[in-house]
C-alpha atoms as a PDB file:
ATOM      1  CA  MET A   1      13.204 -95.173 221.526  1.00  0.00           C
ATOM      2  CA  MET A   2      10.549 -93.940 219.165  1.00  0.00           C
ATOM      3  CA  VAL A   3      11.590 -91.611 216.353  1.00  0.00           C
ATOM      4  CA  ARG A   4       9.333 -89.572 214.079  1.00  0.00           C
ATOM      5  CA  VAL A   5      10.122 -90.214 210.408  1.00  0.00           C
ATOM      6  CA  VAL A   6       8.766 -88.336 207.385  1.00  0.00           C
ATOM      7  CA  LEU A   7       8.856 -90.234 204.093  1.00  0.00           C
ATOM      8  CA  PRO A   8       8.638 -88.799 200.573  1.00  0.00           C
ATOM      9  CA  THR A   9       5.347 -89.284 198.717  1.00  0.00           C
ATOM     10  CA  PRO A  10       6.509 -92.176 196.471  1.00  0.00           C
ATOM     11  CA  LEU A  11       7.633 -94.203 199.511  1.00  0.00           C
ATOM     12  CA  GLN A  12       4.406 -93.362 201.359  1.00  0.00           C
ATOM     13  CA  ALA A  13       2.440 -94.756 198.423  1.00  0.00           C
ATOM     14  CA  LEU A  14       4.620 -97.876 198.238  1.00  0.00           C
ATOM     15  CA  ALA A  15       4.235 -98.609 201.959  1.00  0.00           C
ATOM     16  CA  LYS A  16       0.587 -97.430 202.044  1.00  0.00           C
ATOM     17  CA  VAL A  17       1.250 -95.078 204.974  1.00  0.00           C
ATOM     18  CA  GLY A  18       0.883 -91.391 205.770  1.00  0.00           C
ATOM     19  CA  ALA A  19       3.664 -88.839 205.608  1.00  0.00           C
ATOM     20  CA  GLU A  20       4.848 -89.231 209.207  1.00  0.00           C
ATOM     21  CA  LEU A  21       5.543 -92.507 210.977  1.00  0.00           C
ATOM     22  CA  ASP A  22       6.610 -93.445 214.481  1.00  0.00           C
ATOM     23  CA  VAL A  23       9.470 -95.939 214.324  1.00  0.00           C
ATOM     24  CA  GLU A  24      11.059 -97.870 217.188  1.00  0.00           C
ATOM     25  CA  ALA A  25      14.788 -97.241 216.691  1.00  0.00           C
ATOM     26  CA  GLY A  26      16.249 -99.075 219.679  1.00  0.00           C
ATOM     27  CA  ASP A  27      18.334 -97.698 222.521  1.00  0.00           C
ATOM     28  CA  ALA A  28      20.834 -95.897 220.257  1.00  0.00           C
ATOM     29  CA  PRO A  29      18.783 -94.246 217.490  1.00  0.00           C
ATOM     30  CA  SER A  30      20.717 -93.728 214.266  1.00  0.00           C
ATOM     31  CA  VAL A  31      19.830 -93.522 210.587  1.00  0.00           C
ATOM     32  CA  ALA A  32      20.818 -97.198 210.236  1.00  0.00           C
ATOM     33  CA  ALA A  33      18.596 -98.217 213.171  1.00  0.00           C
ATOM     34  CA  VAL A  34      15.659 -96.262 211.732  1.00  0.00           C
ATOM     35  CA  LEU A  35      16.126 -97.860 208.296  1.00  0.00           C
ATOM     36  CA  ASP A  36      16.400-101.317 209.873  1.00  0.00           C
ATOM     37  CA  ALA A  37      13.109-100.725 211.700  1.00  0.00           C
ATOM     38  CA  LEU A  38      11.362 -99.279 208.635  1.00  0.00           C
ATOM     39  CA  GLU A  39      12.445-102.172 206.418  1.00  0.00           C
ATOM     40  CA  ALA A  40      11.391-104.732 209.043  1.00  0.00           C
ATOM     41  CA  ARG A  41       7.961-103.135 209.472  1.00  0.00           C
ATOM     42  CA  TYR A  42       7.463-102.314 205.772  1.00  0.00           C
ATOM     43  CA  PRO A  43       9.314-104.958 203.717  1.00  0.00           C
ATOM     44  CA  MET A  44       8.233-103.277 200.484  1.00  0.00           C
ATOM     45  CA  LEU A  45      10.670-100.446 201.352  1.00  0.00           C
ATOM     46  CA  ARG A  46      13.706-102.754 201.290  1.00  0.00           C
ATOM     47  CA  GLY A  47      16.157-101.542 198.694  1.00  0.00           C
ATOM     48  CA  THR A  48      14.455 -98.181 198.182  1.00  0.00           C
ATOM     49  CA  MET A  49      16.590 -96.100 200.531  1.00  0.00           C
ATOM     50  CA  ARG A  50      19.765 -98.181 200.650  1.00  0.00           C
ATOM     51  CA  ASP A  51      21.312-101.015 198.705  1.00  0.00           C
ATOM     52  CA  GLN A  52      20.511-104.297 200.428  1.00  0.00           C
ATOM     53  CA  ALA A  53      23.877-105.895 199.653  1.00  0.00           C
ATOM     54  CA  THR A  54      26.158-103.017 200.650  1.00  0.00           C
ATOM     55  CA  ARG A  55      23.692-101.200 202.972  1.00  0.00           C
ATOM     56  CA  ARG A  56      24.882 -97.910 201.450  1.00  0.00           C
ATOM     57  CA  ARG A  57      22.465 -95.040 200.910  1.00  0.00           C
ATOM     58  CA  ARG A  58      20.947 -94.816 197.445  1.00  0.00           C
ATOM     59  CA  ALA A  59      22.336 -91.913 195.414  1.00  0.00           C
ATOM     60  CA  PHE A  60      19.082 -89.950 195.237  1.00  0.00           C
ATOM     61  CA  ILE A  61      18.028 -90.377 198.861  1.00  0.00           C
ATOM     62  CA  ARG A  62      18.967 -87.842 201.536  1.00  0.00           C
ATOM     63  CA  PHE A  63      18.417 -87.808 205.298  1.00  0.00           C
ATOM     64  CA  TYR A  64      17.844 -84.517 207.112  1.00  0.00           C
ATOM     65  CA  ALA A  65      17.211 -83.591 210.726  1.00  0.00           C
ATOM     66  CA  CYS A  66      17.283 -80.241 212.492  1.00  0.00           C
ATOM     67  CA  GLU A  67      18.057 -78.456 209.192  1.00  0.00           C
ATOM     68  CA  THR A  68      21.202 -80.591 208.793  1.00  0.00           C
ATOM     69  CA  ASP A  69      22.023 -83.014 205.986  1.00  0.00           C
ATOM     70  CA  LEU A  70      22.917 -86.317 207.667  1.00  0.00           C
ATOM     71  CA  SER A  71      23.353 -88.144 204.357  1.00  0.00           C
ATOM     72  CA  HIS A  72      27.153 -88.194 204.352  1.00  0.00           C
ATOM     73  CA  GLU A  73      27.613 -88.968 208.045  1.00  0.00           C
ATOM     74  CA  SER A  74      28.077 -92.521 209.244  1.00  0.00           C
ATOM     75  CA  PRO A  75      24.679 -94.252 209.245  1.00  0.00           C
ATOM     76  CA  ASP A  76      25.537 -95.486 212.742  1.00  0.00           C
ATOM     77  CA  ALA A  77      26.114 -91.957 214.119  1.00  0.00           C
ATOM     78  CA  PRO A  78      23.629 -91.007 216.841  1.00  0.00           C
ATOM     79  CA  LEU A  79      20.670 -88.935 215.697  1.00  0.00           C
ATOM     80  CA  PRO A  80      20.503 -85.319 216.962  1.00  0.00           C
ATOM     81  CA  ALA A  81      18.999 -84.880 220.425  1.00  0.00           C
ATOM     82  CA  PRO A  82      15.815 -83.106 219.182  1.00  0.00           C
ATOM     83  CA  VAL A  83      15.057 -86.127 216.965  1.00  0.00           C
ATOM     84  CA  VAL A  84      15.597 -88.531 219.854  1.00  0.00           C
ATOM     85  CA  ALA A  85      13.361 -86.315 222.027  1.00  0.00           C
ATOM     86  CA  ARG A  86      10.695 -86.419 219.250  1.00  0.00           C
ATOM     87  CA  ALA A  87      10.736 -82.618 218.955  1.00  0.00           C
ATOM     88  CA  GLU A  88      11.966 -82.918 215.336  1.00  0.00           C
ATOM     89  CA  PRO A  89      11.461 -85.663 212.740  1.00  0.00           C
ATOM     90  CA  LEU A  90      14.034 -87.465 210.633  1.00  0.00           C
ATOM     91  CA  LEU A  91      13.254 -86.469 207.044  1.00  0.00           C
ATOM     92  CA  VAL A  92      13.829 -88.889 204.173  1.00  0.00           C
ATOM     93  CA  ILE A  93      14.076 -86.822 201.002  1.00  0.00           C
ATOM     94  CA  GLY A  94      14.055 -88.055 197.429  1.00  0.00           C
ATOM     95  CA  ALA A  95      16.641 -85.835 195.711  1.00  0.00           C
ATOM     96  CA  MET A  96      16.144 -84.642 192.150  1.00  0.00           C
ATOM     97  CA  ALA A  97      18.641 -84.263 189.354  1.00  0.00           C
ATOM     98  CA  GLY A  98      18.369 -82.527 186.079  1.00  0.00           C
ATOM     99  CA  GLY A  99      20.000 -80.132 183.776  1.00  0.00           C
END
């Protein structure tokens, strides 16, 4: 299944792509499946959104869909139905920290 994905500007520049991409996420779309597909298609993104050894999300990366933070859910959890139906994108957000 194709999923719409929106990347933050620094990752767009790294991959030399526009803001929104169509990604083939297999029969059971999940955050993990989307990241697998993105990293396969754009190898320069490997290690930017998740650690390659542990496959855990990087601390300053968040995943949102349908106004819901998916960052702390299992990366293998199914994506929300509107994302699977392509009505909503999966948003990859670069979080900021500061004091």
